[in-house]
Amino acid sequence: MDRIQKFLLKLDRDRRSIYMEIFQDIRILNLGRYDVQPLKGFKGLFRLRKGKIKIVFTKQNNMGFIVNADFRGGVYKGI
């Protein structure tokens, strides 16, 4: 089981469906309504913040790929 699946299992059903929708938006790079910023010190990595949760992703070939998702500070471990 990868990190993203473990993160999703920590959430209740309602939040899980919200974040699954956000993951789909990242996949198709529909990011206009989110707080997205590039990560300092990492070329090509971005972070999306929604409440206390941050999602780190990269963009390649007009698609978004999620690297990690977790609560605040824990998201940057292992990048």
N, C-alpha and C. Protein backbone atom coordinates (compact mmCIF):
# COMPACT_ATOMS: atom_id res chain seq x y z
N MET A 1 0.86 -1.18 0.00
CA MET A 1 0.00 0.00 0.00
C MET A 1 0.90 1.24 0.00
N ASP A 2 0.63 2.15 -0.91
CA ASP A 2 1.48 3.34 -0.99
C ASP A 2 1.02 4.43 -0.01
N ARG A 3 1.80 5.51 0.02
CA ARG A 3 1.54 6.60 0.98
C ARG A 3 0.19 7.27 0.76
N ILE A 4 -0.22 7.42 -0.47
CA ILE A 4 -1.48 8.10 -0.77
C ILE A 4 -2.66 7.28 -0.24
N GLN A 5 -2.62 5.98 -0.44
CA GLN A 5 -3.69 5.12 0.05
C GLN A 5 -3.75 5.13 1.57
N LYS A 6 -2.60 5.11 2.23
CA LYS A 6 -2.56 5.17 3.69
C LYS A 6 -3.16 6.48 4.19
N PHE A 7 -2.83 7.57 3.49
CA PHE A 7 -3.38 8.87 3.87
C PHE A 7 -4.90 8.87 3.76
N LEU A 8 -5.41 8.34 2.66
CA LEU A 8 -6.86 8.33 2.45
C LEU A 8 -7.58 7.47 3.49
N LEU A 9 -6.94 6.42 3.95
CA LEU A 9 -7.57 5.56 4.96
C LEU A 9 -7.66 6.25 6.32
N LYS A 10 -6.86 7.28 6.55
CA LYS A 10 -6.91 8.04 7.80
C LYS A 10 -8.15 8.93 7.87
N LEU A 11 -8.73 9.24 6.71
CA LEU A 11 -9.82 10.20 6.64
C LEU A 11 -11.18 9.52 6.78
N ASP A 12 -12.18 10.29 7.23
CA ASP A 12 -13.54 9.76 7.24
C ASP A 12 -14.10 9.77 5.81
N ARG A 13 -15.25 9.17 5.62
CA ARG A 13 -15.80 8.97 4.28
C ARG A 13 -16.04 10.29 3.54
N ASP A 14 -16.58 11.30 4.24
CA ASP A 14 -16.87 12.58 3.58
C ASP A 14 -15.60 13.27 3.11
N ARG A 15 -14.61 13.34 3.98
CA ARG A 15 -13.34 13.98 3.58
C ARG A 15 -12.65 13.19 2.48
N ARG A 16 -12.74 11.87 2.55
CA ARG A 16 -12.10 11.03 1.54
C ARG A 16 -12.67 11.34 0.16
N SER A 17 -13.97 11.52 0.05
CA SER A 17 -14.57 11.82 -1.25
C SER A 17 -14.16 13.21 -1.73
N ILE A 18 -14.02 14.16 -0.81
CA ILE A 18 -13.55 15.51 -1.18
C ILE A 18 -12.15 15.44 -1.74
N TYR A 19 -11.26 14.70 -1.07
CA TYR A 19 -9.87 14.63 -1.53
C TYR A 19 -9.71 13.78 -2.78
N MET A 20 -10.58 12.82 -2.99
CA MET A 20 -10.55 12.07 -4.24
C MET A 20 -10.89 13.00 -5.41
N GLU A 21 -11.83 13.92 -5.19
CA GLU A 21 -12.16 14.91 -6.21
C GLU A 21 -10.98 15.84 -6.47
N ILE A 22 -10.29 16.24 -5.42
CA ILE A 22 -9.10 17.09 -5.58
C ILE A 22 -8.02 16.35 -6.34
N PHE A 23 -7.82 15.06 -6.03
CA PHE A 23 -6.83 14.26 -6.76
C PHE A 23 -7.16 14.20 -8.25
N GLN A 24 -8.45 14.10 -8.59
CA GLN A 24 -8.85 14.09 -10.00
C GLN A 24 -8.55 15.44 -10.65
N ASP A 25 -8.80 16.53 -9.92
CA ASP A 25 -8.49 17.85 -10.46
C ASP A 25 -6.99 18.02 -10.69
N ILE A 26 -6.17 17.49 -9.80
CA ILE A 26 -4.72 17.54 -9.99
C ILE A 26 -4.34 16.74 -11.23
N ARG A 27 -4.94 15.59 -11.39
CA ARG A 27 -4.61 14.72 -12.53
C ARG A 27 -4.85 15.42 -13.86
N ILE A 28 -5.93 16.20 -13.96
CA ILE A 28 -6.23 16.90 -15.21
C ILE A 28 -5.78 18.37 -15.17
N LEU A 29 -5.08 18.75 -14.11
CA LEU A 29 -4.53 20.10 -13.92
C LEU A 29 -5.61 21.18 -13.94
N ASN A 30 -6.73 20.90 -13.32
CA ASN A 30 -7.81 21.87 -13.14
C ASN A 30 -7.62 22.49 -11.76
N LEU A 31 -6.68 23.45 -11.65
CA LEU A 31 -6.23 23.93 -10.35
C LEU A 31 -6.62 25.37 -10.04
N GLY A 32 -7.51 25.96 -10.81
CA GLY A 32 -7.87 27.36 -10.65
C GLY A 32 -8.46 27.73 -9.30
N ARG A 33 -9.16 26.82 -8.66
CA ARG A 33 -9.83 27.16 -7.41
C ARG A 33 -9.06 26.75 -6.16
N TYR A 34 -7.82 26.30 -6.32
CA TYR A 34 -7.02 25.84 -5.19
C TYR A 34 -5.83 26.76 -4.94
N ASP A 35 -5.30 26.65 -3.73
CA ASP A 35 -4.09 27.37 -3.33
C ASP A 35 -2.89 26.52 -3.72
N VAL A 36 -2.29 26.84 -4.87
CA VAL A 36 -1.16 26.07 -5.39
C VAL A 36 0.06 26.98 -5.48
N GLN A 37 1.19 26.48 -4.99
CA GLN A 37 2.45 27.22 -5.08
C GLN A 37 3.59 26.26 -5.37
N PRO A 38 4.62 26.74 -6.09
CA PRO A 38 5.78 25.88 -6.31
C PRO A 38 6.56 25.70 -5.02
N LEU A 39 7.17 24.52 -4.85
CA LEU A 39 7.98 24.27 -3.67
C LEU A 39 9.36 24.89 -3.86
N LYS A 40 9.80 25.60 -2.87
CA LYS A 40 11.13 26.21 -2.93
C LYS A 40 12.18 25.12 -2.76
N GLY A 41 13.21 25.18 -3.59
CA GLY A 41 14.29 24.21 -3.50
C GLY A 41 14.06 22.93 -4.28
N PHE A 42 12.89 22.78 -4.88
CA PHE A 42 12.57 21.59 -5.67
C PHE A 42 12.03 22.03 -7.02
N LYS A 43 12.76 21.74 -8.06
CA LYS A 43 12.33 22.13 -9.39
C LYS A 43 11.22 21.20 -9.88
N GLY A 44 10.11 21.79 -10.29
CA GLY A 44 9.02 21.02 -10.86
C GLY A 44 8.03 20.44 -9.86
N LEU A 45 8.21 20.71 -8.57
CA LEU A 45 7.26 20.23 -7.57
C LEU A 45 6.38 21.38 -7.09
N PHE A 46 5.12 21.07 -6.86
CA PHE A 46 4.15 22.07 -6.41
C PHE A 46 3.43 21.52 -5.19
N ARG A 47 2.85 22.42 -4.41
CA ARG A 47 2.04 21.99 -3.29
C ARG A 47 0.66 22.63 -3.40
N LEU A 48 -0.33 21.84 -3.06
CA LEU A 48 -1.70 22.30 -3.02
C LEU A 48 -2.15 22.20 -1.57
N ARG A 49 -2.70 23.29 -1.05
CA ARG A 49 -3.12 23.30 0.34
C ARG A 49 -4.64 23.41 0.39
N LYS A 50 -5.25 22.53 1.16
CA LYS A 50 -6.69 22.54 1.38
C LYS A 50 -6.90 22.27 2.87
N GLY A 51 -7.17 23.33 3.62
CA GLY A 51 -7.32 23.19 5.06
C GLY A 51 -5.99 22.84 5.70
N LYS A 52 -5.97 21.80 6.51
CA LYS A 52 -4.74 21.36 7.18
C LYS A 52 -3.96 20.34 6.36
N ILE A 53 -4.46 20.03 5.19
CA ILE A 53 -3.84 18.99 4.38
C ILE A 53 -3.11 19.61 3.19
N LYS A 54 -1.92 19.07 2.92
CA LYS A 54 -1.14 19.51 1.77
C LYS A 54 -0.88 18.33 0.86
N ILE A 55 -0.90 18.63 -0.43
CA ILE A 55 -0.65 17.61 -1.44
C ILE A 55 0.51 18.11 -2.30
N VAL A 56 1.54 17.29 -2.44
CA VAL A 56 2.69 17.63 -3.27
C VAL A 56 2.54 16.87 -4.58
N PHE A 57 2.70 17.61 -5.69
CA PHE A 57 2.54 16.97 -7.00
C PHE A 57 3.49 17.59 -8.00
N THR A 58 3.61 16.93 -9.13
CA THR A 58 4.44 17.41 -10.24
C THR A 58 3.59 17.42 -11.50
N LYS A 59 4.01 18.22 -12.46
CA LYS A 59 3.31 18.31 -13.75
C LYS A 59 4.21 17.74 -14.83
N GLN A 60 3.65 16.81 -15.62
CA GLN A 60 4.39 16.23 -16.74
C GLN A 60 3.41 15.93 -17.86
N ASN A 61 3.75 16.34 -19.06
CA ASN A 61 2.95 16.04 -20.25
C ASN A 61 1.48 16.40 -20.06
N ASN A 62 1.21 17.61 -19.57
CA ASN A 62 -0.15 18.11 -19.37
C ASN A 62 -0.98 17.25 -18.42
N MET A 63 -0.32 16.58 -17.49
CA MET A 63 -1.00 15.79 -16.46
C MET A 63 -0.31 16.05 -15.12
N GLY A 64 -1.06 15.91 -14.05
CA GLY A 64 -0.50 16.04 -12.72
C GLY A 64 -0.32 14.68 -12.07
N PHE A 65 0.80 14.51 -11.36
CA PHE A 65 1.10 13.26 -10.67
C PHE A 65 1.36 13.56 -9.21
N ILE A 66 0.63 12.91 -8.32
CA ILE A 66 0.74 13.17 -6.89
C ILE A 66 1.95 12.44 -6.35
N VAL A 67 2.79 13.19 -5.62
CA VAL A 67 3.98 12.63 -5.00
C VAL A 67 3.68 12.20 -3.57
N ASN A 68 2.99 13.05 -2.82
CA ASN A 68 2.66 12.75 -1.44
C ASN A 68 1.48 13.60 -1.00
N ALA A 69 0.75 13.12 0.00
CA ALA A 69 -0.35 13.87 0.60
C ALA A 69 -0.39 13.52 2.07
N ASP A 70 -0.50 14.56 2.91
CA ASP A 70 -0.54 14.32 4.36
C ASP A 70 -0.92 15.61 5.06
N PHE A 71 -1.04 15.52 6.36
CA PHE A 71 -1.32 16.70 7.16
C PHE A 71 -0.07 17.56 7.27
N ARG A 72 -0.20 18.82 7.12
CA ARG A 72 0.81 19.86 7.19
C ARG A 72 2.25 19.40 7.06
N GLY A 73 3.04 19.42 8.13
CA GLY A 73 4.48 19.17 8.07
C GLY A 73 4.89 17.79 7.62
N GLY A 74 4.04 16.80 7.81
CA GLY A 74 4.38 15.43 7.45
C GLY A 74 4.48 15.17 5.97
N VAL A 75 3.94 16.06 5.18
CA VAL A 75 3.91 15.86 3.73
C VAL A 75 5.31 15.97 3.11
N TYR A 76 6.20 16.71 3.75
CA TYR A 76 7.52 16.94 3.15
C TYR A 76 8.54 15.87 3.50
N LYS A 77 8.22 14.96 4.38
CA LYS A 77 9.15 13.89 4.76
C LYS A 77 9.23 12.89 3.62
N GLY A 78 10.44 12.56 3.22
CA GLY A 78 10.64 11.56 2.20
C GLY A 78 10.59 12.06 0.77
N ILE A 79 10.58 13.37 0.58
CA ILE A 79 10.56 13.90 -0.79
C ILE A 79 11.97 14.07 -1.27
